[in-house]
Amino acid sequence: MSQTVCYEQPLNERIRALLRLEFLFQQIEHATTCASSWNSRMALQGLFDMLDLTGRNEFKGELLKELERHAVTLSRLRLTPGVHAATLDRILEEISRVSDRIHHHLDTLTVDAVRQTDFLSAIHKRHHVPGGACQFDVPALHHWLQQDGAIRNRHLQEWLEPFAPMREAVILILQLIRDSATPQPEIARRGFFQRGLDSTVSNQLIRVVLSAGDSLFFPEISAGRHRFAIRFLEQPDPSRRATQSMADIDFDLACCAI
């Protein structure tokens, strides 16, 4: 079990989309580890959300631009004293490999073919209707869910295969961003912390790390171009509104900029 809990706040739209994709890939991966019909429903829900999120034609280009930006930034580190050249070369090779996969194997036509599959399209149209995927609404889905779990998972993997290069790119980009800063200890006085952001660097992500034992409160992070603020809230009863903690709270903070 993890000894810490991490809360993250993206600082631009591109990172926000990447974090959502990471979440969806994790949801689908978890759902396909079990053969129950409800897990298959969860996997389909993740697939439809992913299709909606990546529906813009320029998404492939945005991934390539982000990978290229990291490659250029890291290449400049060669001139920095103390940089481990072998590690840097390994990371640059990984960026190059993933960029090549995106360029040659992330085929928007193949993704569109998944989107336009009659079976998936019929279910997707009911996706935003409350309870719209129940058995009388989509009998084809009910029929599919009666099949053996191994067969359903094989179908799911076929539909997800075109997204494999995207998944690699998302994992690599977010890893590079998270590894760009080491969490440092901070204190939120009376449940509040505020700090300015260096506008000369490319700020990407704020990470707040708490001990798993600090379960009485959670951070609410708000950020702009020049500063961010963290309010630690208490909500012992989820039926009641959360209120700001008046305690001094120890936490670790990482401002990721790369």
Protein backbone atom coordinates (compact mmCIF):
# COMPACT_ATOMS: atom_id res chain seq x y z
CA MET A 1 0.00 0.00 0.00
CA SER A 2 1.28 3.48 -0.88
CA GLN A 3 2.56 5.50 2.08
CA THR A 4 1.73 8.79 0.39
CA VAL A 5 -1.14 10.37 -1.51
CA CYS A 6 -0.41 12.74 -4.39
CA TYR A 7 -2.73 15.49 -5.66
CA GLU A 8 -1.88 17.14 -9.00
CA GLN A 9 -2.93 20.39 -10.66
CA PRO A 10 -2.21 20.89 -14.39
CA LEU A 11 -1.11 24.37 -15.42
CA ASN A 12 -2.15 24.29 -19.07
CA GLU A 13 -4.71 22.63 -21.33
CA ARG A 14 -2.26 20.18 -22.88
CA ILE A 15 -1.24 18.71 -19.52
CA ARG A 16 -4.89 18.63 -18.46
CA ALA A 17 -5.70 16.47 -21.49
CA LEU A 18 -2.71 14.19 -20.87
CA LEU A 19 -3.72 13.61 -17.24
CA ARG A 20 -7.26 12.76 -18.32
CA LEU A 21 -5.93 10.31 -20.89
CA GLU A 22 -3.67 8.71 -18.29
CA PHE A 23 -6.70 8.29 -16.02
CA LEU A 24 -8.73 6.68 -18.83
CA PHE A 25 -5.93 4.28 -19.77
CA GLN A 26 -5.68 3.25 -16.10
CA GLN A 27 -9.46 2.81 -15.87
CA ILE A 28 -9.52 0.59 -18.96
CA GLU A 29 -6.49 -1.42 -17.82
CA HIS A 30 -8.13 -2.08 -14.46
CA ALA A 31 -11.45 -3.00 -16.09
CA THR A 32 -9.89 -5.53 -18.45
CA THR A 33 -8.18 -7.43 -15.63
CA CYS A 34 -11.57 -8.86 -14.63
CA ALA A 35 -13.98 -10.74 -16.87
CA SER A 36 -17.24 -9.52 -15.32
CA SER A 37 -19.82 -7.82 -17.53
CA TRP A 38 -19.69 -4.71 -15.33
CA ASN A 39 -15.95 -4.41 -15.89
CA SER A 40 -16.53 -4.67 -19.64
CA ARG A 41 -19.02 -1.82 -19.34
CA MET A 42 -16.43 0.22 -17.48
CA ALA A 43 -13.85 -0.47 -20.19
CA LEU A 44 -16.31 0.65 -22.89
CA GLN A 45 -17.05 3.80 -20.90
CA GLY A 46 -13.31 4.56 -20.81
CA LEU A 47 -12.99 3.87 -24.54
CA PHE A 48 -15.86 6.24 -25.39
CA ASP A 49 -14.42 8.97 -23.16
CA MET A 50 -11.07 8.51 -24.88
CA LEU A 51 -12.67 8.77 -28.32
CA ASP A 52 -14.38 12.00 -27.27
CA LEU A 53 -11.20 13.44 -25.75
CA THR A 54 -9.04 12.67 -28.78
CA GLY A 55 -11.64 13.52 -31.39
CA ARG A 56 -9.70 16.58 -32.56
CA ASN A 57 -7.56 15.84 -35.65
CA GLU A 58 -4.57 17.81 -34.31
CA PHE A 59 -4.07 15.60 -31.24
CA LYS A 60 -1.38 13.50 -32.96
CA GLY A 61 0.51 16.66 -33.88
CA GLU A 62 0.26 17.98 -30.32
CA LEU A 63 1.83 14.80 -28.95
CA LEU A 64 4.69 15.05 -31.44
CA LYS A 65 5.26 18.73 -30.57
CA GLU A 66 5.33 17.92 -26.86
CA LEU A 67 7.84 15.10 -27.36
CA GLU A 68 10.01 17.34 -29.56
CA ARG A 69 9.89 20.11 -26.94
CA HIS A 70 11.16 17.71 -24.28
CA ALA A 71 13.90 16.42 -26.61
CA VAL A 72 15.14 19.97 -27.29
CA THR A 73 15.02 20.92 -23.60
CA LEU A 74 16.89 17.80 -22.50
CA SER A 75 19.48 18.11 -25.28
CA ARG A 76 20.49 21.50 -23.85
CA LEU A 77 21.40 19.77 -20.59
CA ARG A 78 24.46 18.22 -22.25
CA LEU A 79 26.31 21.45 -21.48
CA THR A 80 25.35 21.38 -17.79
CA PRO A 81 28.17 20.22 -15.48
CA GLY A 82 27.43 17.01 -13.59
CA VAL A 83 24.78 15.71 -15.99
CA HIS A 84 24.93 11.92 -16.39
CA ALA A 85 25.39 11.61 -20.16
CA ALA A 86 24.42 7.93 -20.39
CA THR A 87 21.10 8.54 -18.60
CA LEU A 88 20.41 11.57 -20.77
CA ASP A 89 21.13 9.58 -23.94
CA ARG A 90 18.81 6.78 -22.79
CA ILE A 91 15.95 9.24 -22.22
CA LEU A 92 16.52 10.93 -25.59
CA GLU A 93 16.52 7.55 -27.31
CA GLU A 94 13.22 6.70 -25.61
CA ILE A 95 11.71 10.01 -26.75
CA SER A 96 12.90 9.31 -30.29
CA ARG A 97 11.44 5.78 -30.23
CA VAL A 98 8.05 6.94 -28.94
CA SER A 99 7.98 9.85 -31.42
CA ASP A 100 8.61 7.38 -34.23
CA ARG A 101 5.77 5.17 -32.97
CA ILE A 102 3.40 8.14 -32.88
CA HIS A 103 4.47 9.33 -36.32
CA HIS A 104 4.19 5.98 -38.08
CA HIS A 105 1.69 3.94 -36.06
CA LEU A 106 -0.83 6.39 -34.57
CA ASP A 107 -3.16 6.31 -37.55
CA THR A 108 -6.12 8.65 -37.22
CA LEU A 109 -7.95 6.65 -39.90
CA THR A 110 -7.63 3.49 -37.79
CA VAL A 111 -8.91 5.34 -34.72
CA ASP A 112 -11.80 6.70 -36.77
CA ALA A 113 -12.56 3.16 -37.93
CA VAL A 114 -12.95 2.14 -34.28
CA ARG A 115 -15.18 5.17 -33.68
CA GLN A 116 -17.37 4.25 -36.65
CA THR A 117 -17.75 0.54 -35.84
CA ASP A 118 -21.51 -0.05 -35.97
CA PHE A 119 -21.61 -1.89 -32.65
CA LEU A 120 -19.61 0.76 -30.79
CA SER A 121 -21.31 3.66 -32.54
CA ALA A 122 -24.75 2.47 -31.46
CA ILE A 123 -23.65 2.25 -27.82
CA HIS A 124 -21.70 5.52 -27.99
CA LYS A 125 -24.83 7.39 -29.08
CA ARG A 126 -26.50 6.28 -25.82
CA HIS A 127 -23.38 7.14 -23.80
CA HIS A 128 -24.62 10.54 -22.58
CA VAL A 129 -28.20 9.43 -21.88
CA PRO A 130 -28.69 8.60 -18.17
CA GLY A 131 -29.08 4.84 -18.02
CA GLY A 132 -29.09 4.78 -21.82
CA ALA A 133 -27.03 1.59 -22.10
CA CYS A 134 -29.44 -0.68 -20.27
CA GLN A 135 -30.59 -3.89 -21.91
CA PHE A 136 -33.79 -2.66 -23.65
CA ASP A 137 -31.99 0.41 -25.10
CA VAL A 138 -29.08 -1.48 -26.65
CA PRO A 139 -29.91 -5.21 -27.00
CA ALA A 140 -26.71 -5.75 -29.03
CA LEU A 141 -24.67 -4.68 -25.98
CA HIS A 142 -26.67 -6.99 -23.72
CA HIS A 143 -25.99 -9.83 -26.15
CA TRP A 144 -22.26 -9.06 -26.26
CA LEU A 145 -22.07 -8.98 -22.46
CA GLN A 146 -23.37 -12.56 -22.33
CA GLN A 147 -20.29 -13.80 -24.19
CA ASP A 148 -17.33 -15.30 -22.39
CA GLY A 149 -15.11 -12.74 -20.64
CA ALA A 150 -12.04 -13.79 -22.61
CA ILE A 151 -13.88 -13.09 -25.87
CA ARG A 152 -15.04 -9.67 -24.65
CA ASN A 153 -11.51 -8.77 -23.57
CA ARG A 154 -10.16 -9.84 -26.96
CA HIS A 155 -12.62 -7.52 -28.67
CA LEU A 156 -11.68 -4.69 -26.30
CA GLN A 157 -7.97 -5.17 -26.98
CA GLU A 158 -8.64 -5.03 -30.74
CA TRP A 159 -10.49 -1.73 -30.35
CA LEU A 160 -7.78 -0.34 -28.05
CA GLU A 161 -4.79 -1.40 -30.17
CA PRO A 162 -4.73 1.81 -32.29
CA PHE A 163 -4.30 3.81 -29.06
CA ALA A 164 -1.15 1.92 -27.95
CA PRO A 165 1.35 4.51 -29.35
CA MET A 166 -0.68 7.29 -27.71
CA ARG A 167 -0.55 5.48 -24.36
CA GLU A 168 3.25 5.18 -24.60
CA ALA A 169 3.58 8.88 -25.37
CA VAL A 170 1.28 9.94 -22.52
CA ILE A 171 3.15 7.79 -19.99
CA LEU A 172 6.57 9.06 -21.13
CA ILE A 173 5.63 12.76 -21.25
CA LEU A 174 4.03 12.72 -17.79
CA GLN A 175 6.98 10.78 -16.36
CA LEU A 176 9.42 13.39 -17.71
CA ILE A 177 7.33 16.20 -16.25
CA ARG A 178 6.94 14.56 -12.85
CA ASP A 179 10.65 13.71 -12.67
CA SER A 180 11.62 17.31 -13.47
CA ALA A 181 11.12 18.37 -9.83
CA THR A 182 11.81 16.71 -6.49
CA PRO A 183 9.11 17.28 -3.83
CA GLN A 184 10.30 19.59 -1.04
CA PRO A 185 8.84 19.87 2.49
CA GLU A 186 6.52 22.82 3.11
CA ILE A 187 4.03 23.94 5.77
CA ALA A 188 0.56 25.33 5.13
CA ARG A 189 -0.09 27.73 8.01
CA ARG A 190 -3.69 27.47 9.18
CA GLY A 191 -4.43 25.32 6.16
CA PHE A 192 -3.26 27.83 3.55
CA PHE A 193 -0.19 28.07 1.31
CA GLN A 194 0.63 30.46 -1.52
CA ARG A 195 3.63 30.90 -3.80
CA GLY A 196 4.59 32.71 -7.00
CA LEU A 197 5.49 30.94 -10.22
CA ASP A 198 8.59 31.74 -12.24
CA SER A 199 7.21 33.14 -15.50
CA THR A 200 10.55 32.58 -17.30
CA VAL A 201 10.16 28.79 -17.24
CA SER A 202 7.55 26.45 -18.75
CA ASN A 203 5.43 25.56 -15.73
CA GLN A 204 3.50 22.33 -16.29
CA LEU A 205 2.25 20.72 -13.10
CA ILE A 206 1.91 21.26 -9.35
CA ARG A 207 2.14 18.17 -7.16
CA VAL A 208 1.11 18.08 -3.49
CA VAL A 209 2.18 14.96 -1.60
CA LEU A 210 0.65 14.02 1.75
CA SER A 211 1.29 11.17 4.13
CA ALA A 212 -1.32 8.46 3.70
CA GLY A 213 -2.05 8.90 7.41
CA ASP A 214 -3.16 12.50 6.89
CA SER A 215 -6.66 11.45 5.93
CA LEU A 216 -8.48 14.30 7.69
CA PHE A 217 -7.90 16.84 4.94
CA PHE A 218 -7.25 17.25 1.22
CA PRO A 219 -5.81 20.10 -0.87
CA GLU A 220 -7.77 22.36 -3.20
CA ILE A 221 -5.28 23.89 -5.64
CA SER A 222 -5.94 27.01 -7.71
CA ALA A 223 -3.33 28.38 -10.09
CA GLY A 224 -2.79 31.18 -12.56
CA ARG A 225 0.13 32.23 -14.71
CA HIS A 226 2.01 33.98 -11.90
CA ARG A 227 1.06 32.26 -8.64
CA PHE A 228 -0.81 29.39 -7.07
CA ALA A 229 -2.60 28.80 -3.80
CA ILE A 230 -3.40 25.65 -1.83
CA ARG A 231 -6.24 25.45 0.68
CA PHE A 232 -6.41 22.32 2.81
CA LEU A 233 -10.01 21.34 3.43
CA GLU A 234 -11.63 19.06 5.98
CA GLN A 235 -14.75 17.04 5.18
CA PRO A 236 -15.39 14.35 7.80
CA ASP A 237 -18.93 13.94 6.49
CA PRO A 238 -19.28 13.96 2.66
CA SER A 239 -22.92 15.03 3.11
CA ARG A 240 -21.68 18.33 4.53
CA ARG A 241 -19.69 21.10 2.87
CA ALA A 242 -15.90 20.98 3.19
CA THR A 243 -14.31 23.70 5.34
CA GLN A 244 -10.76 25.04 5.45
CA SER A 245 -8.55 23.44 8.09
CA MET A 246 -7.13 25.73 10.76
CA ALA A 247 -4.20 23.39 11.47
CA ASP A 248 -0.60 23.83 10.33
CA ILE A 249 -0.17 21.07 7.77
CA ASP A 250 3.10 19.49 6.64
CA PHE A 251 3.25 18.44 3.00
CA ASP A 252 5.68 17.98 0.14
CA LEU A 253 5.48 20.25 -2.90
CA ALA A 254 6.86 19.89 -6.42
CA CYS A 255 6.47 22.58 -9.08
CA CYS A 256 7.24 20.73 -12.30
CA ALA A 257 8.63 22.89 -15.09
CA ILE A 258 10.35 21.49 -18.17
